[in-house]
Amino acid sequence: MTINTQSVHFDADTKLLDFVNERVNKLSSIYENIVDADVILRLDKSSTNDNKIAEIKVKVKGTDLFAKKQCLSFEEAIDNCVDALKTQLKKYKEKVQAV
């Protein structure tokens, strides 16, 4: 699986990029036929502390799955997105196997 990561309004350090790759790669254990994943990390211009936004778009054969979360840290947002995508991938896998 290819993981494309973009950071908007800031430069992501290697520690954060490694964290993203590690978490997103775990999705392939749930569904093997993931083509690639696009990750967008963005700083929101809000005055609150939870201004870190993570978006993950996972491309599988036939459709795209998407999750977007806003949290206090990028790590928390990535974890929440990955959890949401795990649920979506399980449902998609059941749907494909039923056909």
N, C-alpha and C. Protein backbone atom coordinates (compact mmCIF):
# COMPACT_ATOMS: atom_id res chain seq x y z
N MET A 1 0.85 -1.18 0.00
CA MET A 1 0.00 0.00 0.00
C MET A 1 0.89 1.24 0.00
N THR A 2 0.53 2.18 -0.84
CA THR A 2 1.24 3.44 -0.91
C THR A 2 0.53 4.47 -0.04
N ILE A 3 1.30 5.19 0.77
CA ILE A 3 0.74 6.21 1.64
C ILE A 3 1.30 7.56 1.23
N ASN A 4 0.40 8.46 0.81
CA ASN A 4 0.78 9.82 0.43
C ASN A 4 0.37 10.76 1.56
N THR A 5 1.33 11.48 2.13
CA THR A 5 1.04 12.36 3.26
C THR A 5 1.33 13.80 2.87
N GLN A 6 0.37 14.69 3.16
CA GLN A 6 0.53 16.13 2.95
C GLN A 6 0.30 16.85 4.25
N SER A 7 1.09 17.87 4.51
CA SER A 7 0.85 18.72 5.67
C SER A 7 0.58 20.13 5.17
N VAL A 8 -0.52 20.71 5.64
CA VAL A 8 -0.97 22.02 5.18
C VAL A 8 -0.77 23.02 6.32
N HIS A 9 -0.17 24.15 6.02
CA HIS A 9 0.10 25.24 6.95
C HIS A 9 1.18 24.93 7.98
N PHE A 10 1.94 23.85 7.80
CA PHE A 10 3.06 23.54 8.68
C PHE A 10 3.90 22.45 8.02
N ASP A 11 5.11 22.24 8.54
CA ASP A 11 5.98 21.17 8.06
C ASP A 11 5.98 20.04 9.09
N ALA A 12 5.55 18.88 8.69
CA ALA A 12 5.50 17.73 9.59
C ALA A 12 6.90 17.16 9.79
N ASP A 13 7.23 16.82 11.04
CA ASP A 13 8.54 16.23 11.30
C ASP A 13 8.50 14.74 11.01
N THR A 14 9.67 14.12 10.96
CA THR A 14 9.75 12.70 10.60
C THR A 14 9.08 11.81 11.64
N LYS A 15 9.09 12.23 12.90
CA LYS A 15 8.43 11.45 13.95
C LYS A 15 6.93 11.33 13.68
N LEU A 16 6.30 12.45 13.30
CA LEU A 16 4.87 12.44 12.99
C LEU A 16 4.60 11.63 11.73
N LEU A 17 5.43 11.77 10.71
CA LEU A 17 5.24 11.01 9.46
C LEU A 17 5.40 9.51 9.69
N ASP A 18 6.36 9.13 10.55
CA ASP A 18 6.53 7.71 10.88
C ASP A 18 5.31 7.18 11.62
N PHE A 19 4.76 8.00 12.52
CA PHE A 19 3.55 7.62 13.25
C PHE A 19 2.39 7.39 12.30
N VAL A 20 2.22 8.31 11.35
CA VAL A 20 1.15 8.19 10.35
C VAL A 20 1.31 6.90 9.54
N ASN A 21 2.51 6.66 9.05
CA ASN A 21 2.75 5.45 8.24
C ASN A 21 2.49 4.18 9.04
N GLU A 22 2.92 4.16 10.30
CA GLU A 22 2.73 2.99 11.14
C GLU A 22 1.25 2.71 11.36
N ARG A 23 0.48 3.74 11.68
CA ARG A 23 -0.95 3.55 11.96
C ARG A 23 -1.74 3.18 10.71
N VAL A 24 -1.46 3.86 9.60
CA VAL A 24 -2.22 3.60 8.38
C VAL A 24 -1.88 2.22 7.81
N ASN A 25 -0.63 1.79 7.96
CA ASN A 25 -0.26 0.45 7.48
C ASN A 25 -1.01 -0.65 8.21
N LYS A 26 -1.45 -0.40 9.43
CA LYS A 26 -2.21 -1.41 10.18
C LYS A 26 -3.56 -1.69 9.54
N LEU A 27 -4.05 -0.78 8.72
CA LEU A 27 -5.33 -1.01 8.04
C LEU A 27 -5.26 -2.18 7.08
N SER A 28 -4.07 -2.45 6.54
CA SER A 28 -3.94 -3.56 5.58
C SER A 28 -4.10 -4.92 6.27
N SER A 29 -4.01 -4.97 7.59
CA SER A 29 -4.27 -6.24 8.29
C SER A 29 -5.76 -6.57 8.31
N ILE A 30 -6.60 -5.55 8.16
CA ILE A 30 -8.05 -5.77 8.15
C ILE A 30 -8.54 -6.11 6.75
N TYR A 31 -8.02 -5.39 5.76
CA TYR A 31 -8.41 -5.63 4.37
C TYR A 31 -7.16 -5.53 3.51
N GLU A 32 -6.81 -6.62 2.84
CA GLU A 32 -5.54 -6.72 2.13
C GLU A 32 -5.51 -5.95 0.81
N ASN A 33 -6.67 -5.70 0.22
CA ASN A 33 -6.72 -5.13 -1.13
C ASN A 33 -6.80 -3.61 -1.14
N ILE A 34 -6.12 -2.95 -0.23
CA ILE A 34 -6.08 -1.49 -0.23
C ILE A 34 -5.05 -1.05 -1.27
N VAL A 35 -5.47 -0.18 -2.18
CA VAL A 35 -4.59 0.29 -3.24
C VAL A 35 -3.62 1.32 -2.69
N ASP A 36 -4.15 2.40 -2.14
CA ASP A 36 -3.30 3.41 -1.51
C ASP A 36 -4.11 4.25 -0.54
N ALA A 37 -3.42 5.11 0.18
CA ALA A 37 -4.06 5.97 1.17
C ALA A 37 -3.50 7.38 1.04
N ASP A 38 -4.37 8.36 1.10
CA ASP A 38 -3.98 9.77 1.09
C ASP A 38 -4.27 10.35 2.47
N VAL A 39 -3.24 10.92 3.09
CA VAL A 39 -3.37 11.50 4.42
C VAL A 39 -3.10 12.99 4.32
N ILE A 40 -4.02 13.80 4.85
CA ILE A 40 -3.84 15.24 4.87
C ILE A 40 -3.88 15.70 6.32
N LEU A 41 -2.81 16.34 6.75
CA LEU A 41 -2.72 16.91 8.09
C LEU A 41 -2.80 18.41 7.95
N ARG A 42 -3.71 19.03 8.70
CA ARG A 42 -3.96 20.46 8.51
C ARG A 42 -4.12 21.14 9.86
N LEU A 43 -3.59 22.35 9.96
CA LEU A 43 -3.82 23.20 11.12
C LEU A 43 -4.98 24.12 10.80
N ASP A 44 -6.01 24.09 11.63
CA ASP A 44 -7.16 24.96 11.47
C ASP A 44 -6.84 26.32 12.07
N LYS A 45 -7.44 27.35 11.56
CA LYS A 45 -7.17 28.70 12.05
C LYS A 45 -8.14 29.11 13.16
N SER A 46 -8.65 28.13 13.90
CA SER A 46 -9.58 28.45 14.98
C SER A 46 -8.81 28.86 16.23
N SER A 47 -9.48 29.51 17.15
CA SER A 47 -8.83 29.98 18.37
C SER A 47 -8.79 28.91 19.45
N THR A 48 -9.45 27.78 19.24
CA THR A 48 -9.45 26.71 20.23
C THR A 48 -8.21 25.85 20.09
N ASN A 49 -7.94 25.02 21.10
CA ASN A 49 -6.76 24.16 21.09
C ASN A 49 -6.92 22.96 20.17
N ASP A 50 -8.16 22.53 19.94
CA ASP A 50 -8.35 21.37 19.07
C ASP A 50 -8.42 21.80 17.61
N ASN A 51 -7.28 22.30 17.13
CA ASN A 51 -7.21 22.83 15.77
C ASN A 51 -6.40 21.94 14.84
N LYS A 52 -6.13 20.70 15.24
CA LYS A 52 -5.40 19.77 14.39
C LYS A 52 -6.40 18.86 13.68
N ILE A 53 -6.35 18.87 12.36
CA ILE A 53 -7.30 18.09 11.56
C ILE A 53 -6.52 17.04 10.76
N ALA A 54 -7.02 15.81 10.81
CA ALA A 54 -6.46 14.73 10.00
C ALA A 54 -7.55 14.18 9.10
N GLU A 55 -7.22 14.00 7.84
CA GLU A 55 -8.13 13.40 6.87
C GLU A 55 -7.42 12.22 6.23
N ILE A 56 -8.08 11.09 6.17
CA ILE A 56 -7.51 9.92 5.52
C ILE A 56 -8.51 9.39 4.50
N LYS A 57 -8.04 9.24 3.27
CA LYS A 57 -8.84 8.67 2.19
C LYS A 57 -8.16 7.38 1.76
N VAL A 58 -8.87 6.27 1.92
CA VAL A 58 -8.34 4.96 1.58
C VAL A 58 -9.01 4.49 0.29
N LYS A 59 -8.19 4.15 -0.69
CA LYS A 59 -8.72 3.67 -1.97
C LYS A 59 -8.65 2.15 -2.01
N VAL A 60 -9.81 1.55 -2.16
CA VAL A 60 -9.90 0.11 -2.35
C VAL A 60 -10.56 -0.13 -3.70
N LYS A 61 -10.42 -1.33 -4.18
CA LYS A 61 -10.98 -1.64 -5.50
C LYS A 61 -12.49 -1.43 -5.48
N GLY A 62 -12.96 -0.49 -6.26
CA GLY A 62 -14.39 -0.25 -6.38
C GLY A 62 -14.89 0.98 -5.66
N THR A 63 -14.19 1.47 -4.64
CA THR A 63 -14.69 2.62 -3.89
C THR A 63 -13.56 3.28 -3.10
N ASP A 64 -13.89 4.42 -2.52
CA ASP A 64 -12.98 5.13 -1.62
C ASP A 64 -13.65 5.25 -0.26
N LEU A 65 -12.87 5.08 0.78
CA LEU A 65 -13.36 5.25 2.15
C LEU A 65 -12.67 6.48 2.74
N PHE A 66 -13.41 7.24 3.56
CA PHE A 66 -12.89 8.52 4.04
C PHE A 66 -13.21 8.73 5.51
N ALA A 67 -12.25 9.33 6.22
CA ALA A 67 -12.48 9.72 7.62
C ALA A 67 -11.78 11.05 7.87
N LYS A 68 -12.44 11.92 8.65
CA LYS A 68 -11.88 13.22 9.00
C LYS A 68 -12.16 13.48 10.47
N LYS A 69 -11.11 13.81 11.21
CA LYS A 69 -11.25 14.06 12.64
C LYS A 69 -10.47 15.32 13.03
N GLN A 70 -10.99 16.03 14.03
CA GLN A 70 -10.35 17.23 14.56
C GLN A 70 -10.13 17.02 16.05
N CYS A 71 -8.88 17.15 16.50
CA CYS A 71 -8.53 16.84 17.88
C CYS A 71 -7.46 17.81 18.40
N LEU A 72 -7.03 17.55 19.64
CA LEU A 72 -5.99 18.37 20.26
C LEU A 72 -4.61 18.11 19.69
N SER A 73 -4.37 16.88 19.21
CA SER A 73 -3.07 16.54 18.63
C SER A 73 -3.28 15.76 17.34
N PHE A 74 -2.27 15.78 16.49
CA PHE A 74 -2.35 15.03 15.24
C PHE A 74 -2.39 13.53 15.51
N GLU A 75 -1.67 13.08 16.54
CA GLU A 75 -1.64 11.66 16.86
C GLU A 75 -3.04 11.16 17.24
N GLU A 76 -3.73 11.94 18.05
CA GLU A 76 -5.09 11.58 18.45
C GLU A 76 -6.03 11.58 17.24
N ALA A 77 -5.89 12.57 16.39
CA ALA A 77 -6.74 12.66 15.19
C ALA A 77 -6.49 11.48 14.26
N ILE A 78 -5.22 11.10 14.08
CA ILE A 78 -4.88 9.96 13.23
C ILE A 78 -5.46 8.68 13.81
N ASP A 79 -5.30 8.49 15.13
CA ASP A 79 -5.85 7.29 15.77
C ASP A 79 -7.36 7.21 15.58
N ASN A 80 -8.06 8.32 15.75
CA ASN A 80 -9.51 8.34 15.58
C ASN A 80 -9.91 8.05 14.13
N CYS A 81 -9.17 8.59 13.18
CA CYS A 81 -9.45 8.32 11.76
C CYS A 81 -9.23 6.84 11.44
N VAL A 82 -8.13 6.29 11.94
CA VAL A 82 -7.83 4.88 11.67
C VAL A 82 -8.91 3.99 12.27
N ASP A 83 -9.37 4.31 13.48
CA ASP A 83 -10.45 3.54 14.09
C ASP A 83 -11.72 3.59 13.25
N ALA A 84 -12.06 4.78 12.76
CA ALA A 84 -13.24 4.92 11.91
C ALA A 84 -13.08 4.13 10.61
N LEU A 85 -11.89 4.16 10.04
CA LEU A 85 -11.65 3.44 8.79
C LEU A 85 -11.64 1.93 9.01
N LYS A 86 -11.21 1.47 10.17
CA LYS A 86 -11.26 0.03 10.48
C LYS A 86 -12.70 -0.45 10.41
N THR A 87 -13.60 0.32 11.00
CA THR A 87 -15.02 -0.04 10.97
C THR A 87 -15.54 -0.06 9.54
N GLN A 88 -15.19 0.97 8.76
CA GLN A 88 -15.65 1.03 7.37
C GLN A 88 -15.08 -0.13 6.56
N LEU A 89 -13.81 -0.46 6.77
CA LEU A 89 -13.19 -1.56 6.02
C LEU A 89 -13.82 -2.90 6.37
N LYS A 90 -14.16 -3.11 7.65
CA LYS A 90 -14.81 -4.36 8.04
C LYS A 90 -16.17 -4.49 7.35
N LYS A 91 -16.94 -3.40 7.32
CA LYS A 91 -18.24 -3.43 6.66
C LYS A 91 -18.09 -3.66 5.16
N TYR A 92 -17.09 -2.99 4.55
CA TYR A 92 -16.86 -3.15 3.12
C TYR A 92 -16.44 -4.59 2.80
N LYS A 93 -15.57 -5.15 3.65
CA LYS A 93 -15.10 -6.52 3.42
C LYS A 93 -16.26 -7.51 3.50
N GLU A 94 -17.15 -7.32 4.49
CA GLU A 94 -18.32 -8.19 4.60
C GLU A 94 -19.22 -8.06 3.38
N LYS A 95 -19.38 -6.84 2.91
CA LYS A 95 -20.22 -6.58 1.74
C LYS A 95 -19.65 -7.26 0.49
N VAL A 96 -18.34 -7.17 0.31
CA VAL A 96 -17.69 -7.76 -0.86
C VAL A 96 -17.75 -9.28 -0.80
N GLN A 97 -17.54 -9.86 0.39
CA GLN A 97 -17.57 -11.31 0.52
C GLN A 97 -18.98 -11.87 0.36
N ALA A 98 -19.99 -11.07 0.66
CA ALA A 98 -21.37 -11.53 0.52
C ALA A 98 -21.80 -11.64 -0.93
N VAL A 99 -21.12 -10.92 -1.81
CA VAL A 99 -21.50 -10.91 -3.23
C VAL A 99 -21.05 -12.13 -3.96
